[in-house]
Amino acid sequence: MKPYEELKKHVENISSAIARMEERLDALERKDKSEDVEGIIETVRHIEDFLNYRTRGFYERSKPR
């Protein structure tokens, strides 16, 4: 195998490895964001429960539907 062909093969292997790493990073970023969203939703539920309790149900009745 000529040195150029060998080098080309190594570059292709490195390029495919980088592409796989980028895909994995994208997946991890999406996963992290979805966990953050779930945490925010849970926090909002707690706040709404608190407001409803403290206002004796007025908060729930006054929410737009």
PDB file of N, CA and C in Angstrom:
ATOM      1  N   MET A   1       0.843  -1.172   0.000  1.00  0.00           N
ATOM      2  CA  MET A   1       0.000   0.000   0.000  1.00  0.00           C
ATOM      3  C   MET A   1       0.893   1.242   0.000  1.00  0.00           C
ATOM      4  N   LYS A   2       0.561   2.191  -0.816  1.00  0.00           N
ATOM      5  CA  LYS A   2       1.334   3.423  -0.912  1.00  0.00           C
ATOM      6  C   LYS A   2       1.088   4.288   0.330  1.00  0.00           C
ATOM      7  N   PRO A   3       2.074   5.080   0.697  1.00  0.00           N
ATOM      8  CA  PRO A   3       1.919   5.938   1.888  1.00  0.00           C
ATOM      9  C   PRO A   3       0.695   6.855   1.801  1.00  0.00           C
ATOM     10  N   TYR A   4       0.413   7.367   0.611  1.00  0.00           N
ATOM     11  CA  TYR A   4      -0.745   8.249   0.447  1.00  0.00           C
ATOM     12  C   TYR A   4      -2.034   7.500   0.739  1.00  0.00           C
ATOM     13  N   GLU A   5      -2.156   6.288   0.222  1.00  0.00           N
ATOM     14  CA  GLU A   5      -3.362   5.487   0.431  1.00  0.00           C
ATOM     15  C   GLU A   5      -3.522   5.119   1.908  1.00  0.00           C
ATOM     16  N   GLU A   6      -2.404   4.812   2.554  1.00  0.00           N
ATOM     17  CA  GLU A   6      -2.454   4.475   3.974  1.00  0.00           C
ATOM     18  C   GLU A   6      -2.894   5.689   4.800  1.00  0.00           C
ATOM     19  N   LEU A   7      -2.338   6.836   4.461  1.00  0.00           N
ATOM     20  CA  LEU A   7      -2.710   8.068   5.158  1.00  0.00           C
ATOM     21  C   LEU A   7      -4.184   8.390   4.929  1.00  0.00           C
ATOM     22  N   LYS A   8      -4.642   8.212   3.701  1.00  0.00           N
ATOM     23  CA  LYS A   8      -6.043   8.471   3.365  1.00  0.00           C
ATOM     24  C   LYS A   8      -6.955   7.560   4.184  1.00  0.00           C
ATOM     25  N   LYS A   9      -6.563   6.300   4.343  1.00  0.00           N
ATOM     26  CA  LYS A   9      -7.361   5.346   5.119  1.00  0.00           C
ATOM     27  C   LYS A   9      -7.445   5.787   6.583  1.00  0.00           C
ATOM     28  N   HIS A  10      -6.332   6.234   7.150  1.00  0.00           N
ATOM     29  CA  HIS A  10      -6.320   6.698   8.539  1.00  0.00           C
ATOM     30  C   HIS A  10      -7.196   7.940   8.713  1.00  0.00           C
ATOM     31  N   VAL A  11      -7.124   8.844   7.769  1.00  0.00           N
ATOM     32  CA  VAL A  11      -7.940  10.060   7.838  1.00  0.00           C
ATOM     33  C   VAL A  11      -9.423   9.705   7.771  1.00  0.00           C
ATOM     34  N   GLU A  12      -9.793   8.761   6.923  1.00  0.00           N
ATOM     35  CA  GLU A  12     -11.186   8.335   6.831  1.00  0.00           C
ATOM     36  C   GLU A  12     -11.647   7.709   8.144  1.00  0.00           C
ATOM     37  N   ASN A  13     -10.794   6.896   8.766  1.00  0.00           N
ATOM     38  CA  ASN A  13     -11.138   6.290  10.051  1.00  0.00           C
ATOM     39  C   ASN A  13     -11.328   7.358  11.128  1.00  0.00           C
ATOM     40  N   ILE A  14     -10.434   8.335  11.137  1.00  0.00           N
ATOM     41  CA  ILE A  14     -10.538   9.414  12.116  1.00  0.00           C
ATOM     42  C   ILE A  14     -11.807  10.226  11.873  1.00  0.00           C
ATOM     43  N   SER A  15     -12.110  10.496  10.626  1.00  0.00           N
ATOM     44  CA  SER A  15     -13.311  11.269  10.297  1.00  0.00           C
ATOM     45  C   SER A  15     -14.572  10.549  10.743  1.00  0.00           C
ATOM     46  N   SER A  16     -14.635   9.249  10.523  1.00  0.00           N
ATOM     47  CA  SER A  16     -15.823   8.504  10.944  1.00  0.00           C
ATOM     48  C   SER A  16     -15.916   8.444  12.468  1.00  0.00           C
ATOM     49  N   ALA A  17     -14.779   8.353  13.148  1.00  0.00           N
ATOM     50  CA  ALA A  17     -14.792   8.354  14.617  1.00  0.00           C
ATOM     51  C   ALA A  17     -15.281   9.700  15.147  1.00  0.00           C
ATOM     52  N   ILE A  18     -14.850  10.783  14.533  1.00  0.00           N
ATOM     53  CA  ILE A  18     -15.302  12.113  14.946  1.00  0.00           C
ATOM     54  C   ILE A  18     -16.800  12.257  14.702  1.00  0.00           C
ATOM     55  N   ALA A  19     -17.291  11.768  13.591  1.00  0.00           N
ATOM     56  CA  ALA A  19     -18.723  11.845  13.297  1.00  0.00           C
ATOM     57  C   ALA A  19     -19.532  11.088  14.345  1.00  0.00           C
ATOM     58  N   ARG A  20     -19.058   9.897  14.742  1.00  0.00           N
ATOM     59  CA  ARG A  20     -19.761   9.124  15.778  1.00  0.00           C
ATOM     60  C   ARG A  20     -19.746   9.863  17.114  1.00  0.00           C
ATOM     61  N   MET A  21     -18.622  10.504  17.434  1.00  0.00           N
ATOM     62  CA  MET A  21     -18.534  11.266  18.683  1.00  0.00           C
ATOM     63  C   MET A  21     -19.492  12.456  18.669  1.00  0.00           C
ATOM     64  N   GLU A  22     -19.615  13.127  17.535  1.00  0.00           N
ATOM     65  CA  GLU A  22     -20.540  14.255  17.429  1.00  0.00           C
ATOM     66  C   GLU A  22     -21.978  13.794  17.614  1.00  0.00           C
ATOM     67  N   GLU A  23     -22.335  12.651  17.029  1.00  0.00           N
ATOM     68  CA  GLU A  23     -23.680  12.111  17.198  1.00  0.00           C
ATOM     69  C   GLU A  23     -23.952  11.798  18.663  1.00  0.00           C
ATOM     70  N   ARG A  24     -22.973  11.216  19.324  1.00  0.00           N
ATOM     71  CA  ARG A  24     -23.141  10.885  20.747  1.00  0.00           C
ATOM     72  C   ARG A  24     -23.281  12.145  21.597  1.00  0.00           C
ATOM     73  N   LEU A  25     -22.498  13.162  21.310  1.00  0.00           N
ATOM     74  CA  LEU A  25     -22.613  14.428  22.042  1.00  0.00           C
ATOM     75  C   LEU A  25     -23.981  15.070  21.829  1.00  0.00           C
ATOM     76  N   ASP A  26     -24.481  15.036  20.593  1.00  0.00           N
ATOM     77  CA  ASP A  26     -25.814  15.572  20.318  1.00  0.00           C
ATOM     78  C   ASP A  26     -26.869  14.832  21.130  1.00  0.00           C
ATOM     79  N   ALA A  27     -26.759  13.509  21.178  1.00  0.00           N
ATOM     80  CA  ALA A  27     -27.717  12.710  21.942  1.00  0.00           C
ATOM     81  C   ALA A  27     -27.644  13.053  23.427  1.00  0.00           C
ATOM     82  N   LEU A  28     -26.445  13.222  23.943  1.00  0.00           N
ATOM     83  CA  LEU A  28     -26.295  13.579  25.360  1.00  0.00           C
ATOM     84  C   LEU A  28     -26.865  14.967  25.645  1.00  0.00           C
ATOM     85  N   GLU A  29     -26.653  15.903  24.743  1.00  0.00           N
ATOM     86  CA  GLU A  29     -27.198  17.246  24.932  1.00  0.00           C
ATOM     87  C   GLU A  29     -28.719  17.219  24.922  1.00  0.00           C
ATOM     88  N   ARG A  30     -29.318  16.449  24.023  1.00  0.00           N
ATOM     89  CA  ARG A  30     -30.778  16.337  23.989  1.00  0.00           C
ATOM     90  C   ARG A  30     -31.289  15.700  25.271  1.00  0.00           C
ATOM     91  N   LYS A  31     -30.600  14.690  25.754  1.00  0.00           N
ATOM     92  CA  LYS A  31     -31.016  14.012  26.978  1.00  0.00           C
ATOM     93  C   LYS A  31     -30.960  14.969  28.155  1.00  0.00           C
ATOM     94  N   ASP A  32     -29.884  15.726  28.267  1.00  0.00           N
ATOM     95  CA  ASP A  32     -29.749  16.678  29.366  1.00  0.00           C
ATOM     96  C   ASP A  32     -30.865  17.713  29.335  1.00  0.00           C
ATOM     97  N   LYS A  33     -31.199  18.200  28.160  1.00  0.00           N
ATOM     98  CA  LYS A  33     -32.252  19.202  28.052  1.00  0.00           C
ATOM     99  C   LYS A  33     -33.595  18.617  28.437  1.00  0.00           C
ATOM    100  N   SER A  34     -33.871  17.390  28.048  1.00  0.00           N
ATOM    101  CA  SER A  34     -35.155  16.797  28.396  1.00  0.00           C
ATOM    102  C   SER A  34     -35.260  16.597  29.897  1.00  0.00           C
ATOM    103  N   GLU A  35     -34.136  16.267  30.563  1.00  0.00           N
ATOM    104  CA  GLU A  35     -34.162  16.139  32.016  1.00  0.00           C
ATOM    105  C   GLU A  35     -34.395  17.497  32.662  1.00  0.00           C
ATOM    106  N   ASP A  36     -33.815  18.553  32.111  1.00  0.00           N
ATOM    107  CA  ASP A  36     -34.036  19.898  32.635  1.00  0.00           C
ATOM    108  C   ASP A  36     -35.498  20.297  32.493  1.00  0.00           C
ATOM    109  N   VAL A  37     -36.091  19.981  31.353  1.00  0.00           N
ATOM    110  CA  VAL A  37     -37.490  20.317  31.119  1.00  0.00           C
ATOM    111  C   VAL A  37     -38.374  19.586  32.125  1.00  0.00           C
ATOM    112  N   GLU A  38     -38.099  18.322  32.375  1.00  0.00           N
ATOM    113  CA  GLU A  38     -38.878  17.569  33.357  1.00  0.00           C
ATOM    114  C   GLU A  38     -38.757  18.205  34.735  1.00  0.00           C
ATOM    115  N   GLY A  39     -37.569  18.644  35.091  1.00  0.00           N
ATOM    116  CA  GLY A  39     -37.372  19.306  36.375  1.00  0.00           C
ATOM    117  C   GLY A  39     -38.154  20.605  36.475  1.00  0.00           C
ATOM    118  N   ILE A  40     -38.178  21.371  35.396  1.00  0.00           N
ATOM    119  CA  ILE A  40     -38.923  22.631  35.373  1.00  0.00           C
ATOM    120  C   ILE A  40     -40.416  22.362  35.491  1.00  0.00           C
ATOM    121  N   ILE A  41     -40.911  21.364  34.788  1.00  0.00           N
ATOM    122  CA  ILE A  41     -42.331  21.019  34.860  1.00  0.00           C
ATOM    123  C   ILE A  41     -42.708  20.631  36.283  1.00  0.00           C
ATOM    124  N   GLU A  42     -41.878  19.841  36.931  1.00  0.00           N
ATOM    125  CA  GLU A  42     -42.138  19.424  38.310  1.00  0.00           C
ATOM    126  C   GLU A  42     -42.136  20.629  39.249  1.00  0.00           C
ATOM    127  N   THR A  43     -41.216  21.556  39.055  1.00  0.00           N
ATOM    128  CA  THR A  43     -41.163  22.762  39.883  1.00  0.00           C
ATOM    129  C   THR A  43     -42.421  23.600  39.709  1.00  0.00           C
ATOM    130  N   VAL A  44     -42.881  23.756  38.473  1.00  0.00           N
ATOM    131  CA  VAL A  44     -44.107  24.513  38.210  1.00  0.00           C
ATOM    132  C   VAL A  44     -45.293  23.845  38.893  1.00  0.00           C
ATOM    133  N   ARG A  45     -45.363  22.529  38.863  1.00  0.00           N
ATOM    134  CA  ARG A  45     -46.456  21.819  39.548  1.00  0.00           C
ATOM    135  C   ARG A  45     -46.439  22.102  41.044  1.00  0.00           C
ATOM    136  N   HIS A  46     -45.251  22.089  41.641  1.00  0.00           N
ATOM    137  CA  HIS A  46     -45.146  22.384  43.073  1.00  0.00           C
ATOM    138  C   HIS A  46     -45.600  23.815  43.371  1.00  0.00           C
ATOM    139  N   ILE A  47     -45.203  24.745  42.531  1.00  0.00           N
ATOM    140  CA  ILE A  47     -45.595  26.144  42.732  1.00  0.00           C
ATOM    141  C   ILE A  47     -47.102  26.292  42.600  1.00  0.00           C
ATOM    142  N   GLU A  48     -47.688  25.652  41.592  1.00  0.00           N
ATOM    143  CA  GLU A  48     -49.138  25.731  41.419  1.00  0.00           C
ATOM    144  C   GLU A  48     -49.873  25.104  42.597  1.00  0.00           C
ATOM    145  N   ASP A  49     -49.382  23.974  43.082  1.00  0.00           N
ATOM    146  CA  ASP A  49     -49.998  23.352  44.260  1.00  0.00           C
ATOM    147  C   ASP A  49     -49.926  24.288  45.460  1.00  0.00           C
ATOM    148  N   PHE A  50     -48.777  24.914  45.651  1.00  0.00           N
ATOM    149  CA  PHE A  50     -48.612  25.846  46.764  1.00  0.00           C
ATOM    150  C   PHE A  50     -49.575  27.025  46.630  1.00  0.00           C
ATOM    151  N   LEU A  51     -49.632  27.617  45.428  1.00  0.00           N
ATOM    152  CA  LEU A  51     -50.521  28.760  45.224  1.00  0.00           C
ATOM    153  C   LEU A  51     -51.977  28.376  45.440  1.00  0.00           C
ATOM    154  N   ASN A  52     -52.358  27.220  44.955  1.00  0.00           N
ATOM    155  CA  ASN A  52     -53.733  26.770  45.113  1.00  0.00           C
ATOM    156  C   ASN A  52     -54.058  26.546  46.591  1.00  0.00           C
ATOM    157  N   TYR A  53     -53.127  25.976  47.328  1.00  0.00           N
ATOM    158  CA  TYR A  53     -53.330  25.732  48.755  1.00  0.00           C
ATOM    159  C   TYR A  53     -53.437  27.056  49.521  1.00  0.00           C
ATOM    160  N   ARG A  54     -52.521  27.985  49.230  1.00  0.00           N
ATOM    161  CA  ARG A  54     -52.489  29.246  49.971  1.00  0.00           C
ATOM    162  C   ARG A  54     -53.678  30.148  49.638  1.00  0.00           C
ATOM    163  N   THR A  55     -54.230  30.030  48.441  1.00  0.00           N
ATOM    164  CA  THR A  55     -55.360  30.881  48.054  1.00  0.00           C
ATOM    165  C   THR A  55     -56.682  30.154  48.197  1.00  0.00           C
ATOM    166  N   ARG A  56     -56.661  28.998  48.830  1.00  0.00           N
ATOM    167  CA  ARG A  56     -57.864  28.184  49.077  1.00  0.00           C
ATOM    168  C   ARG A  56     -58.635  27.906  47.787  1.00  0.00           C
ATOM    169  N   GLY A  57     -57.900  27.594  46.725  1.00  0.00           N
ATOM    170  CA  GLY A  57     -58.512  27.199  45.459  1.00  0.00           C
ATOM    171  C   GLY A  57     -58.755  28.336  44.495  1.00  0.00           C
ATOM    172  N   PHE A  58     -58.580  29.583  44.946  1.00  0.00           N
ATOM    173  CA  PHE A  58     -58.823  30.709  44.053  1.00  0.00           C
ATOM    174  C   PHE A  58     -57.878  30.689  42.862  1.00  0.00           C
ATOM    175  N   TYR A  59     -56.627  30.305  43.075  1.00  0.00           N
ATOM    176  CA  TYR A  59     -55.653  30.268  41.976  1.00  0.00           C
ATOM    177  C   TYR A  59     -56.115  29.319  40.877  1.00  0.00           C
ATOM    178  N   GLU A  60     -56.547  28.143  41.252  1.00  0.00           N
ATOM    179  CA  GLU A  60     -56.983  27.148  40.255  1.00  0.00           C
ATOM    180  C   GLU A  60     -58.203  27.648  39.492  1.00  0.00           C
ATOM    181  N   ARG A  61     -59.132  28.292  40.176  1.00  0.00           N
ATOM    182  CA  ARG A  61     -60.345  28.784  39.514  1.00  0.00           C
ATOM    183  C   ARG A  61     -60.054  29.967  38.600  1.00  0.00           C
ATOM    184  N   SER A  62     -59.008  30.746  38.905  1.00  0.00           N
ATOM    185  CA  SER A  62     -58.731  31.948  38.114  1.00  0.00           C
ATOM    186  C   SER A  62     -57.799  31.683  36.925  1.00  0.00           C
ATOM    187  N   LYS A  63     -57.259  30.466  36.815  1.00  0.00           N
ATOM    188  CA  LYS A  63     -56.355  30.156  35.698  1.00  0.00           C
ATOM    189  C   LYS A  63     -57.116  30.135  34.380  1.00  0.00           C
ATOM    190  N   PRO A  64     -56.534  30.723  33.332  1.00  0.00           N
ATOM    191  CA  PRO A  64     -57.180  30.621  32.012  1.00  0.00           C
ATOM    192  C   PRO A  64     -57.145  29.179  31.522  1.00  0.00           C
ATOM    193  N   ARG A  65     -58.190  28.785  30.883  1.00  0.00           N
ATOM    194  CA  ARG A  65     -58.260  27.386  30.411  1.00  0.00           C
ATOM    195  C   ARG A  65     -58.127  27.308  28.940  1.00  0.00           C
TER     196      ARG A  65
END
